[in-house]
Structures are given as C-alpha cells and as structure tokens.
Amino acid sequence: MNRKNIMSDTMTNTIRVEDVGPCRKRISVEIPAGAVDDQMQTAFAMVAGEVSIPGFRKGHAPRRLVEKRYAGYVKEETRSRLVSQAYEQAVRENDLKVLGQPPAEVFESIEVEQGEPVSFEVEVEVMPEFELPELKGIKVLKPDSTLPAGLVDEEIKKISINEGSLDEREDSARGDYLTGNAVMTDSDGTEHYNIEGAVVQIPEEGDEGMILGVIVADFAKQLGTPKVEDKLTIKLTGPENHEVEALRGKDLTISYEVTKVYRIVPAVVSDLVAKYGFNDEEQLREMVTSQLQQRAEVRQQAVMRQQVVKHLADSVEFELPEGLTSQQAARSLQRQRMEMMYRGVNPAEIEQHMAELRSASTESARNELKQFFILNKAAQDLNVQLEEQEVNARIMQLAMQQGKRPDQLVEELQRTGQAQTLMQQIREHKTIDQILNDAEIEEVSADEFNARMKDKAK
C-alpha cells in the first residue's frame, strides 16, 4: 500500500493506493475541508461576477442571493474540479498505468458540503507488470493467398442472397427470418432488453440459434416454426462472459411476439449484373474475384499477425483478473468485432460470431485480455505512434468494404463508441507489423500452412 501526503497543512489531499487483485488498484482519497471551502469560494466568486439577476447590475447581486440561486451549480462545479484533480494527482504520483476511465457515476454520487472534507474510493484497471520476450527473429509462416477453386461461385451465391427479395409469409419454415418484439427478463423479473423489430433466423432442426445477441443451444426446438402473431417464450442462461454483468449465469426468459415472417428469394445473376452496372456476368465475376483477392491478402496478413501474438502470449506469464469486468468483456468483444470488420466479414456473420464469443469459455476470454495487455506494452516499448493519414486510410478501407461514405462511417463509429476501438486496432496492427519486419518468415502453401497450424495446436 502506498500512502502520500505531500504537505502537512490543511489544504493537502490524503491519497492511498492499494492492490485489490491482479491488474486492479483501489484509490482512496480524502480532500480536506479547507480545500473544499477554498474551491467553493472560487466557484461562487466566478458565478457572482458572471450572472445577471433581475433588479441588480451584473456582478453586484447580494452574496446570499447568489448562493441561494446557484448553490447546486457551485457544489457540482466544486465536486467536479476537486475530485478530478485529486484522481489525476493519485494516478500521477503513484505512476499508475490506468486503462480507461472510471465510470462517471462513481464520482457523481459524491456529496460536497461547505466546511466538510470529501472522501471517495474508486477501483481502476491497470497494466500488469511483466517483461516482453525478444521481439526479433520470431518464426512466422506466410500462407499462399491464391483463391481456391469455386470460391468465386460461392461468393456470388452469397451476394444473390444478400441482394435477394423478401417474400412475406404467414407461416414459417426452417431458414426463414422472423421480426418481432423481444423482451428479455431475468428470474427476478428485471427487464434487460425490450427490442422492437428484433430479427431471428429459424435454425435447422436440432441446431442452435441466436436471439438478442446470445446463442441458445436448443433454439430450434424452443422456437419451432411459428406463424405471424404467435407469442413465444425462450428460456436460456446468460453467458458467463457477457459484457452486461447482470446477465452472467442468470436464468433468462425472452418473450418474443412474431410480427412478420420473411423468406429470402435470391436474386438472379442477370439482376446482379444490371444492379452493379456491368455489361455481362464476366465483369461481375471480375469484380468479385478482385474483392476476394483483397480479402485473402488481408486474411494472410491477419494470420501472420496472429502467429506473432500467440508467440508473445505463450512466452509471457503474469496474473490476470479472476473474472472479467463488464468493461474488460466489452473491450474484448469490440476488438474482435473491429477485427472482423477489417477482414471484410459481412454484418450478419459478425453478429453470429459475436454471439458465439459471448458464449466462449472463460479461458478464451482471459487469453484475449492477456493479448490486449501484451500488445499495449509492446506498443509502448516500440514507441508506436499513430499518424492521421493511417487512421484516414483505415476508415476509407472500412467504408469501401461496407459501401458507406467515410463521414457516415465515422459518425457511426462515434455513435456506437467504437472509434477508440478502431484507434486501438490500428495501433496494435502497426505494432505487430513492426515486429514482423524483423521476423523469420517462411512462405508455404495454404494446405501446408493449415497442416502445420493443426500440428502446433495439438
């Protein structure tokens, strides 16, 4: 435990930092009454000089009137300034490598009163302490990126489905899509989701399926083949690694009322040719081949990066948190979502994979967290910095893959809170690529690569 009290006067914060588990610290702060009063006086003086109160010239209203009208604002301003300054002081003086910021509600509940000290505690996630292995000379296999036979035909079939028409029906069959109102509650009756227009695909008999981002093992049996206006009840257990901690391991119920049933009718190739403005099917195939080749090269780079990350993870040992917090789980899922977007995986497949990740083993989730810590330290050790043009280039790439304008994608990333994840991904990729520059790379065929990776996994 560290305890810091730099000066002995009544204006000095008392700060304690202690370990509360692997990668977590508890910061305890006491701000003396003298500092609270001083900041409140400053805040009142600022308000008194700026506000206009009817019947008085600006800055000349009686102090008691100003205090009565603006006491709430002054307390909020005092709390905000004192707490943020004390938190930053604790992080700086104890050299804490904090990951992310504490939730705002931790600080919003703190009460400030004139003449009274302010105390608060906050737990933060910090970088673990460990040494990286040698980063030069790592052996990496580079698989051939030639497209296998038949892949272009398979991709055209996928495009035909994506561009197909929707045949609205009253009854449903396996493979059809449902839209409806989905409400998720736990065993205590607490409502967690209430989504109108929730989309569900009816799985084949005996298969698992996904609803509200969660995999249900016996989904085909529970869902059946419902009709419009049918009301269904789906029972499931919350995944242990869900980013919403309140759902983990809970007995959950989803009430689902079917509003529409759709069957996709694939578009014919001639319609695709016309839609994309080509002269014939050959031009369509050329476009698809070019896109697939780009994706293959992205995947080639991705599997090389994965080998570097696995080598580093296997070479380093340090303690990890016993259970992932909601912040850690959410960050892990966001990183993997962004990686799939980078590889050009279509949105439907991404959501399916995200649901599978939520249901993945705790060991898998902990490995993902370990990789995050390792790459973060490697970036620091290699002094990896991002350039604006690198970020713009990645945004342009993702926008082209998704058929969106760059500004539209930026707005979407900001709205969904994924902008920081994109920056982190670019930094990680740049870090790994810098390591790859000094790696021992062996070029192999795709078949040999798969065989050797299979042997390593044994």
Protein backbone atom coordinates (compact mmCIF):
# COMPACT_ATOMS: atom_id res chain seq x y z
CA MET A 1 0.00 0.00 0.00
CA ASN A 2 1.21 3.48 -0.84
CA ARG A 3 0.22 6.48 1.26
CA LYS A 4 1.08 10.00 0.09
CA ASN A 5 0.54 13.23 1.97
CA ILE A 6 2.99 15.66 0.39
CA MET A 7 2.45 18.57 2.81
CA SER A 8 1.21 18.75 6.39
CA ASP A 9 -1.15 21.70 6.03
CA THR A 10 -4.93 21.57 5.89
CA MET A 11 -5.06 22.01 2.10
CA THR A 12 -3.35 18.74 1.16
CA ASN A 13 -5.14 15.64 -0.12
CA THR A 14 -4.51 12.31 1.59
CA ILE A 15 -4.14 9.57 -1.01
CA ARG A 16 -3.88 5.80 -0.51
CA VAL A 17 -3.40 3.22 -3.27
CA GLU A 18 -3.68 -0.49 -2.60
CA ASP A 19 -3.86 -3.73 -4.58
CA VAL A 20 -7.30 -5.32 -4.72
CA GLY A 21 -6.45 -8.09 -7.17
CA PRO A 22 -4.48 -8.73 -10.33
CA CYS A 23 -4.47 -5.64 -12.59
CA ARG A 24 -6.69 -3.68 -10.18
CA LYS A 25 -5.96 -0.90 -7.68
CA ARG A 26 -8.16 0.88 -5.16
CA ILE A 27 -7.57 4.62 -4.89
CA SER A 28 -8.78 6.19 -1.63
CA VAL A 29 -8.75 9.98 -1.38
CA GLU A 30 -9.62 12.45 1.37
CA ILE A 31 -9.86 16.11 0.37
CA PRO A 32 -9.63 18.36 3.46
CA ALA A 33 -12.39 20.80 4.38
CA GLY A 34 -10.07 23.74 3.78
CA ALA A 35 -9.60 22.77 0.14
CA VAL A 36 -13.37 22.29 -0.27
CA ASP A 37 -14.11 25.74 1.18
CA ASP A 38 -11.41 27.37 -0.93
CA GLN A 39 -12.79 25.84 -4.15
CA MET A 40 -16.37 26.77 -3.24
CA GLN A 41 -15.31 30.37 -2.63
CA THR A 42 -13.63 30.42 -6.04
CA ALA A 43 -16.72 28.96 -7.70
CA PHE A 44 -19.08 31.44 -6.00
CA ALA A 45 -16.84 34.37 -6.96
CA MET A 46 -16.86 33.22 -10.58
CA VAL A 47 -20.64 32.86 -10.62
CA ALA A 48 -21.25 36.16 -8.83
CA GLY A 49 -19.19 38.00 -11.40
CA GLU A 50 -20.94 36.45 -14.41
CA VAL A 51 -24.64 36.02 -13.63
CA SER A 52 -27.36 38.59 -14.13
CA ILE A 53 -30.18 38.66 -11.53
CA PRO A 54 -33.21 40.91 -12.16
CA GLY A 55 -33.01 44.14 -10.13
CA PHE A 56 -29.21 44.13 -9.84
CA ARG A 57 -26.36 45.10 -12.11
CA LYS A 58 -24.25 42.22 -13.43
CA GLY A 59 -21.83 41.14 -10.73
CA HIS A 60 -23.50 43.24 -7.99
CA ALA A 61 -26.17 40.89 -6.67
CA PRO A 62 -26.01 40.17 -2.89
CA ARG A 63 -23.87 37.16 -2.00
CA ARG A 64 -26.72 35.44 -0.13
CA LEU A 65 -28.99 35.67 -3.18
CA VAL A 66 -26.31 34.25 -5.46
CA GLU A 67 -25.66 31.42 -3.02
CA LYS A 68 -29.36 30.60 -2.77
CA ARG A 69 -29.91 30.51 -6.52
CA TYR A 70 -26.69 28.82 -7.57
CA ALA A 71 -25.75 26.62 -4.61
CA GLY A 72 -26.39 23.43 -6.58
CA TYR A 73 -24.25 24.53 -9.51
CA VAL A 74 -21.42 25.65 -7.19
CA LYS A 75 -21.42 22.31 -5.36
CA GLU A 76 -21.36 20.42 -8.65
CA GLU A 77 -18.53 22.58 -10.00
CA THR A 78 -16.59 22.20 -6.75
CA ARG A 79 -17.01 18.43 -6.72
CA SER A 80 -16.04 18.11 -10.39
CA ARG A 81 -12.85 20.14 -10.05
CA LEU A 82 -11.67 18.75 -6.71
CA VAL A 83 -12.39 15.10 -7.49
CA SER A 84 -10.88 15.14 -10.99
CA GLN A 85 -7.77 16.93 -9.74
CA ALA A 86 -7.39 14.51 -6.82
CA TYR A 87 -7.85 11.48 -9.07
CA GLU A 88 -5.27 12.77 -11.58
CA GLN A 89 -2.89 13.52 -8.69
CA ALA A 90 -3.24 9.95 -7.37
CA VAL A 91 -2.59 8.43 -10.80
CA ARG A 92 0.40 10.72 -11.47
CA GLU A 93 2.11 10.42 -8.08
CA ASN A 94 1.72 6.64 -7.92
CA ASP A 95 2.72 6.16 -11.59
CA LEU A 96 -0.42 4.14 -12.30
CA LYS A 97 -0.81 2.92 -15.88
CA VAL A 98 -4.59 3.13 -15.84
CA LEU A 99 -6.62 1.53 -18.62
CA GLY A 100 -9.69 3.62 -19.34
CA GLN A 101 -11.52 5.96 -17.00
CA PRO A 102 -13.70 5.07 -14.00
CA PRO A 103 -17.46 5.17 -14.69
CA ALA A 104 -18.86 8.69 -14.31
CA GLU A 105 -21.45 7.53 -11.77
CA VAL A 106 -18.64 6.72 -9.29
CA PHE A 107 -17.92 10.42 -8.96
CA GLU A 108 -21.45 11.75 -9.45
CA SER A 109 -22.60 10.24 -6.14
CA ILE A 110 -20.00 12.18 -4.09
CA GLU A 111 -21.53 14.85 -1.82
CA VAL A 112 -19.87 18.21 -1.21
CA GLU A 113 -20.72 20.48 1.76
CA GLN A 114 -19.04 23.65 2.96
CA GLY A 115 -16.80 23.05 5.96
CA GLU A 116 -16.75 19.28 5.42
CA PRO A 117 -13.96 17.10 3.96
CA VAL A 118 -14.70 14.95 0.89
CA SER A 119 -13.75 11.28 0.75
CA PHE A 120 -14.12 8.84 -2.11
CA GLU A 121 -12.84 5.48 -3.31
CA VAL A 122 -12.52 4.18 -6.85
CA GLU A 123 -11.16 0.95 -8.28
CA VAL A 124 -9.24 1.15 -11.54
CA GLU A 125 -7.86 -1.36 -14.02
CA VAL A 126 -4.11 -1.03 -14.53
CA MET A 127 -1.50 -2.55 -16.79
CA PRO A 128 0.15 -5.63 -15.25
CA GLU A 129 3.90 -5.59 -14.74
CA PHE A 130 5.86 -8.05 -16.92
CA GLU A 131 8.81 -8.27 -19.30
CA LEU A 132 8.36 -8.90 -23.01
CA PRO A 133 10.40 -11.63 -24.73
CA GLU A 134 12.80 -10.92 -27.60
CA LEU A 135 10.78 -9.30 -30.39
CA LYS A 136 13.24 -10.02 -33.21
CA GLY A 137 13.57 -13.27 -35.13
CA ILE A 138 10.11 -14.70 -34.40
CA LYS A 139 9.35 -17.55 -36.83
CA VAL A 140 6.20 -16.90 -38.88
CA LEU A 141 4.53 -18.88 -41.67
CA LYS A 142 3.15 -16.92 -44.64
CA PRO A 143 0.40 -18.89 -46.43
CA ASP A 144 -0.21 -18.54 -50.16
CA SER A 145 -3.17 -16.22 -50.79
CA THR A 146 -4.26 -17.75 -54.12
CA LEU A 147 -8.04 -18.14 -54.24
CA PRO A 148 -9.23 -21.77 -54.14
CA ALA A 149 -11.42 -23.11 -56.96
CA GLY A 150 -15.13 -22.49 -56.54
CA LEU A 151 -14.77 -19.59 -54.11
CA VAL A 152 -15.97 -17.01 -56.63
CA ASP A 153 -19.14 -19.04 -57.30
CA GLU A 154 -19.80 -19.34 -53.56
CA GLU A 155 -19.41 -15.59 -53.11
CA ILE A 156 -21.81 -14.84 -55.97
CA LYS A 157 -24.37 -17.10 -54.28
CA LYS A 158 -23.94 -15.09 -51.04
CA ILE A 159 -24.38 -11.83 -52.95
CA SER A 160 -27.51 -13.25 -54.60
CA ILE A 161 -28.96 -13.93 -51.16
CA ASN A 162 -27.94 -10.53 -49.76
CA GLU A 163 -29.44 -8.76 -52.76
CA GLY A 164 -32.49 -11.03 -52.91
CA SER A 165 -36.08 -10.02 -52.34
CA LEU A 166 -38.16 -10.71 -49.23
CA ASP A 167 -41.23 -12.86 -49.65
CA GLU A 168 -43.57 -12.06 -46.75
CA ARG A 169 -45.47 -15.12 -45.46
CA GLU A 170 -47.95 -16.10 -42.77
CA ASP A 171 -46.37 -19.46 -41.90
CA SER A 172 -42.66 -20.16 -41.48
CA ALA A 173 -40.15 -22.89 -42.26
CA ARG A 174 -36.57 -23.66 -41.31
CA GLY A 175 -34.23 -20.98 -42.64
CA ASP A 176 -36.88 -18.25 -42.72
CA TYR A 177 -36.49 -14.95 -40.90
CA LEU A 178 -38.77 -13.52 -38.22
CA THR A 179 -39.14 -9.98 -36.94
CA GLY A 180 -40.91 -9.24 -33.71
CA ASN A 181 -40.87 -7.67 -30.27
CA ALA A 182 -38.33 -9.31 -27.93
CA VAL A 183 -38.28 -8.68 -24.17
CA MET A 184 -35.52 -10.22 -22.01
CA THR A 185 -36.08 -10.55 -18.25
CA ASP A 186 -34.19 -12.38 -15.53
CA SER A 187 -35.50 -14.63 -12.74
CA ASP A 188 -36.11 -11.56 -10.55
CA GLY A 189 -38.35 -10.01 -13.18
CA THR A 190 -35.83 -7.31 -14.10
CA GLU A 191 -36.15 -6.25 -17.73
CA HIS A 192 -32.81 -6.01 -19.58
CA TYR A 193 -33.85 -5.62 -23.22
CA ASN A 194 -37.05 -4.59 -24.97
CA ILE A 195 -36.40 -4.53 -28.70
CA GLU A 196 -38.98 -3.94 -31.40
CA GLY A 197 -38.13 -5.39 -34.80
CA ALA A 198 -35.71 -7.97 -33.37
CA VAL A 199 -34.65 -10.27 -36.20
CA VAL A 200 -34.33 -14.03 -35.74
CA GLN A 201 -33.46 -16.73 -38.26
CA ILE A 202 -35.15 -20.08 -37.70
CA PRO A 203 -32.32 -22.66 -37.47
CA GLU A 204 -32.42 -26.13 -38.96
CA GLU A 205 -33.93 -28.81 -36.74
CA GLY A 206 -31.64 -29.64 -33.82
CA ASP A 207 -29.38 -26.62 -34.35
CA GLU A 208 -28.55 -23.78 -32.00
CA GLY A 209 -29.57 -20.22 -32.86
CA MET A 210 -29.17 -16.61 -31.83
CA ILE A 211 -31.57 -14.10 -30.31
CA LEU A 212 -30.69 -10.69 -28.80
CA GLY A 213 -27.02 -11.44 -29.38
CA VAL A 214 -27.00 -14.64 -27.30
CA ILE A 215 -26.58 -18.24 -28.50
CA VAL A 216 -29.34 -20.64 -27.40
CA ALA A 217 -28.28 -24.30 -27.62
CA ASP A 218 -31.77 -25.78 -28.24
CA PHE A 219 -33.12 -22.77 -30.10
CA ALA A 220 -34.61 -24.78 -32.98
CA LYS A 221 -36.67 -26.84 -30.52
CA GLN A 222 -37.85 -23.86 -28.45
CA LEU A 223 -38.61 -21.67 -31.48
CA GLY A 224 -40.30 -24.19 -33.73
CA THR A 225 -41.78 -22.76 -36.95
CA PRO A 226 -44.16 -20.05 -35.69
CA LYS A 227 -46.79 -18.02 -37.52
CA VAL A 228 -47.39 -14.28 -37.52
CA GLU A 229 -48.82 -13.11 -34.14
CA ASP A 230 -47.54 -16.20 -32.32
CA LYS A 231 -46.14 -15.45 -28.85
CA LEU A 232 -43.11 -17.49 -27.86
CA THR A 233 -41.14 -17.97 -24.65
CA ILE A 234 -37.44 -18.74 -24.92
CA LYS A 235 -35.51 -19.96 -21.86
CA LEU A 236 -31.72 -19.60 -21.66
CA THR A 237 -28.79 -18.99 -19.33
CA GLY A 238 -26.79 -15.78 -19.59
CA PRO A 239 -23.25 -16.32 -20.98
CA GLU A 240 -20.51 -16.17 -18.35
CA ASN A 241 -18.56 -13.63 -20.40
CA HIS A 242 -21.40 -11.33 -21.42
CA GLU A 243 -20.43 -7.65 -21.36
CA VAL A 244 -23.52 -6.97 -19.21
CA GLU A 245 -22.51 -8.41 -15.84
CA ALA A 246 -26.12 -8.58 -14.62
CA LEU A 247 -26.82 -11.27 -17.25
CA ARG A 248 -23.93 -13.58 -16.46
CA GLY A 249 -25.07 -17.03 -15.37
CA LYS A 250 -28.63 -15.81 -14.83
CA ASP A 251 -31.73 -17.76 -15.77
CA LEU A 252 -33.21 -15.58 -18.52
CA THR A 253 -36.53 -15.52 -20.32
CA ILE A 254 -37.18 -13.91 -23.70
CA SER A 255 -40.76 -13.22 -24.68
CA TYR A 256 -40.98 -12.96 -28.46
CA GLU A 257 -44.07 -11.92 -30.41
CA VAL A 258 -43.79 -12.59 -34.14
CA THR A 259 -44.91 -9.64 -36.27
CA LYS A 260 -43.62 -10.74 -39.69
CA VAL A 261 -42.23 -13.82 -41.43
CA TYR A 262 -39.87 -13.49 -44.41
CA ARG A 263 -38.29 -15.90 -46.85
CA ILE A 264 -35.37 -14.67 -48.93
CA VAL A 265 -35.67 -15.21 -52.66
CA PRO A 266 -32.12 -15.00 -54.10
CA ALA A 267 -31.54 -12.53 -56.92
CA VAL A 268 -30.67 -14.00 -60.31
CA VAL A 269 -27.27 -13.25 -61.79
CA SER A 270 -28.70 -11.08 -64.57
CA ASP A 271 -30.26 -8.82 -61.93
CA LEU A 272 -26.89 -8.53 -60.16
CA VAL A 273 -25.20 -7.61 -63.44
CA ALA A 274 -27.76 -4.85 -64.01
CA LYS A 275 -27.65 -3.63 -60.39
CA TYR A 276 -23.88 -3.13 -60.40
CA GLY A 277 -23.89 -1.58 -63.90
CA PHE A 278 -21.87 -4.29 -65.63
CA ASN A 279 -22.14 -5.35 -69.25
CA ASP A 280 -22.15 -9.07 -68.59
CA GLU A 281 -21.58 -11.79 -65.98
CA GLU A 282 -17.86 -11.86 -66.68
CA GLN A 283 -17.45 -8.32 -65.39
CA LEU A 284 -19.37 -9.30 -62.26
CA ARG A 285 -17.03 -12.23 -61.73
CA GLU A 286 -14.00 -9.96 -62.20
CA MET A 287 -15.32 -7.60 -59.50
CA VAL A 288 -15.99 -10.47 -57.10
CA THR A 289 -12.57 -12.00 -57.81
CA SER A 290 -10.86 -8.67 -57.09
CA GLN A 291 -12.74 -8.25 -53.80
CA LEU A 292 -11.99 -11.81 -52.72
CA GLN A 293 -8.31 -11.39 -53.56
CA GLN A 294 -8.15 -8.25 -51.42
CA ARG A 295 -9.81 -10.10 -48.54
CA ALA A 296 -7.42 -13.04 -48.98
CA GLU A 297 -4.44 -10.70 -48.66
CA VAL A 298 -5.98 -9.12 -45.56
CA ARG A 299 -6.53 -12.60 -44.07
CA GLN A 300 -2.95 -13.57 -44.99
CA GLN A 301 -1.65 -10.60 -43.02
CA ALA A 302 -4.10 -11.39 -40.21
CA VAL A 303 -2.91 -14.98 -39.74
CA MET A 304 0.70 -13.79 -39.71
CA ARG A 305 -0.18 -11.26 -37.02
CA GLN A 306 -1.99 -13.97 -35.05
CA GLN A 307 1.18 -16.09 -35.00
CA VAL A 308 3.16 -13.18 -33.56
CA VAL A 309 0.53 -12.55 -30.88
CA LYS A 310 0.34 -16.23 -29.95
CA HIS A 311 4.13 -16.44 -29.68
CA LEU A 312 4.20 -13.45 -27.34
CA ALA A 313 1.29 -14.77 -25.26
CA ASP A 314 2.94 -18.19 -24.91
CA SER A 315 6.23 -16.57 -23.88
CA VAL A 316 4.89 -14.32 -21.12
CA GLU A 317 3.24 -15.17 -17.81
CA PHE A 318 1.52 -12.74 -15.46
CA GLU A 319 -1.55 -12.66 -13.28
CA LEU A 320 -4.88 -11.81 -14.83
CA PRO A 321 -8.12 -10.78 -13.09
CA GLU A 322 -10.05 -13.79 -11.82
CA GLY A 323 -13.19 -12.67 -13.65
CA LEU A 324 -13.61 -10.24 -16.49
CA THR A 325 -15.34 -6.99 -15.59
CA SER A 326 -18.03 -5.64 -17.89
CA GLN A 327 -15.53 -3.07 -19.17
CA GLN A 328 -12.96 -5.76 -19.99
CA ALA A 329 -15.54 -8.02 -21.65
CA ALA A 330 -16.96 -5.17 -23.72
CA ARG A 331 -13.48 -4.09 -24.81
CA SER A 332 -12.60 -7.64 -25.84
CA LEU A 333 -15.78 -8.01 -27.89
CA GLN A 334 -15.28 -4.61 -29.53
CA ARG A 335 -11.71 -5.51 -30.50
CA GLN A 336 -12.85 -8.74 -32.14
CA ARG A 337 -15.79 -7.05 -33.86
CA MET A 338 -13.42 -4.46 -35.33
CA GLU A 339 -11.04 -7.19 -36.48
CA MET A 340 -13.85 -8.95 -38.37
CA MET A 341 -14.90 -5.65 -39.95
CA TYR A 342 -11.29 -5.15 -41.06
CA ARG A 343 -11.26 -8.58 -42.70
CA GLY A 344 -14.43 -7.81 -44.64
CA VAL A 345 -16.75 -10.25 -42.84
CA ASN A 346 -20.37 -9.43 -43.64
CA PRO A 347 -22.52 -7.93 -40.85
CA ALA A 348 -24.74 -10.99 -40.37
CA GLU A 349 -21.73 -13.26 -39.87
CA ILE A 350 -20.18 -10.73 -37.49
CA GLU A 351 -23.27 -10.72 -35.24
CA GLN A 352 -23.36 -14.52 -35.27
CA HIS A 353 -19.69 -14.67 -34.30
CA MET A 354 -20.19 -12.05 -31.58
CA ALA A 355 -22.89 -14.22 -30.02
CA GLU A 356 -20.52 -17.20 -30.14
CA LEU A 357 -17.79 -15.14 -28.45
CA ARG A 358 -20.16 -14.25 -25.59
CA SER A 359 -20.67 -17.97 -25.06
CA ALA A 360 -16.97 -18.80 -25.34
CA SER A 361 -15.05 -20.30 -22.45
CA THR A 362 -13.63 -18.14 -19.69
CA GLU A 363 -10.16 -19.30 -20.73
CA SER A 364 -10.71 -17.91 -24.23
CA ALA A 365 -11.87 -14.58 -22.84
CA ARG A 366 -8.86 -14.40 -20.50
CA ASN A 367 -6.48 -15.15 -23.38
CA GLU A 368 -7.99 -12.25 -25.30
CA LEU A 369 -7.43 -9.95 -22.33
CA LYS A 370 -3.84 -11.19 -21.98
CA GLN A 371 -3.17 -10.38 -25.64
CA PHE A 372 -4.55 -6.88 -25.14
CA PHE A 373 -2.12 -6.24 -22.27
CA ILE A 374 0.85 -7.66 -24.20
CA LEU A 375 0.22 -5.62 -27.35
CA ASN A 376 -0.35 -2.48 -25.32
CA LYS A 377 3.06 -2.91 -23.64
CA ALA A 378 4.77 -3.81 -26.94
CA ALA A 379 3.39 -0.62 -28.50
CA GLN A 380 4.79 1.40 -25.60
CA ASP A 381 8.20 -0.32 -25.73
CA LEU A 382 8.43 0.18 -29.51
CA ASN A 383 7.15 3.75 -29.21
CA VAL A 384 4.43 3.13 -31.79
CA GLN A 385 2.64 6.35 -32.72
CA LEU A 386 -0.43 6.80 -34.94
CA GLU A 387 -0.46 9.20 -37.86
CA GLU A 388 -3.63 10.92 -39.03
CA GLN A 389 -3.23 9.55 -42.55
CA GLU A 390 -3.11 5.99 -41.18
CA VAL A 391 -6.43 6.46 -39.42
CA ASN A 392 -7.98 8.06 -42.50
CA ALA A 393 -6.74 5.22 -44.71
CA ARG A 394 -8.28 2.59 -42.41
CA ILE A 395 -11.59 4.47 -42.33
CA MET A 396 -11.56 4.66 -46.12
CA GLN A 397 -10.88 0.91 -46.35
CA LEU A 398 -13.71 0.00 -43.97
CA ALA A 399 -16.11 2.42 -45.67
CA MET A 400 -15.43 0.86 -49.09
CA GLN A 401 -15.95 -2.65 -47.69
CA GLN A 402 -19.30 -1.66 -46.21
CA GLY A 403 -20.49 0.51 -49.09
CA LYS A 404 -20.65 3.64 -46.91
CA ARG A 405 -19.28 7.17 -47.15
CA PRO A 406 -16.25 7.74 -44.88
CA ASP A 407 -18.03 10.52 -42.96
CA GLN A 408 -21.03 8.23 -42.48
CA LEU A 409 -18.79 5.50 -41.05
CA VAL A 410 -17.02 7.96 -38.73
CA GLU A 411 -20.37 9.15 -37.36
CA GLU A 412 -21.43 5.53 -36.82
CA LEU A 413 -18.20 4.63 -35.02
CA GLN A 414 -18.55 7.63 -32.73
CA ARG A 415 -22.22 6.92 -32.03
CA THR A 416 -21.57 3.27 -31.14
CA GLY A 417 -18.46 4.02 -29.08
CA GLN A 418 -16.16 2.10 -31.44
CA ALA A 419 -13.95 5.00 -32.53
CA GLN A 420 -11.45 4.31 -29.72
CA THR A 421 -11.50 0.60 -30.58
CA LEU A 422 -10.57 1.43 -34.18
CA MET A 423 -7.63 3.54 -32.97
CA GLN A 424 -6.52 0.69 -30.71
CA GLN A 425 -6.76 -1.79 -33.59
CA ILE A 426 -4.63 0.36 -35.90
CA ARG A 427 -2.04 0.77 -33.12
CA GLU A 428 -1.97 -2.99 -32.48
CA HIS A 429 -1.64 -3.80 -36.19
CA LYS A 430 1.17 -1.28 -36.56
CA THR A 431 2.93 -2.77 -33.53
CA ILE A 432 2.70 -6.34 -34.86
CA ASP A 433 3.77 -5.28 -38.36
CA GLN A 434 6.85 -3.64 -36.85
CA ILE A 435 7.66 -6.96 -35.17
CA LEU A 436 7.01 -8.80 -38.46
CA ASN A 437 9.62 -6.62 -40.17
CA ASP A 438 12.25 -8.39 -38.05
CA ALA A 439 10.64 -11.85 -38.15
CA GLU A 440 11.85 -15.02 -39.90
CA ILE A 441 9.09 -15.52 -42.49
CA GLU A 442 8.63 -18.81 -44.37
CA GLU A 443 6.28 -18.88 -47.37
CA VAL A 444 4.15 -22.04 -47.61
CA SER A 445 1.11 -23.29 -49.48
CA ALA A 446 -2.33 -22.92 -47.91
CA ASP A 447 -2.57 -26.70 -47.35
CA GLU A 448 0.85 -26.88 -45.69
CA PHE A 449 0.01 -23.88 -43.54
CA ASN A 450 -3.23 -25.48 -42.32
CA ALA A 451 -1.46 -28.78 -41.61
CA ARG A 452 1.36 -27.16 -39.63
CA MET A 453 -1.03 -24.98 -37.66
CA LYS A 454 -3.06 -28.09 -36.82
CA ASP A 455 0.06 -29.85 -35.57
CA LYS A 456 1.00 -26.88 -33.37
CA ALA A 457 -2.47 -26.88 -31.83
CA LYS A 458 -2.12 -30.48 -30.66
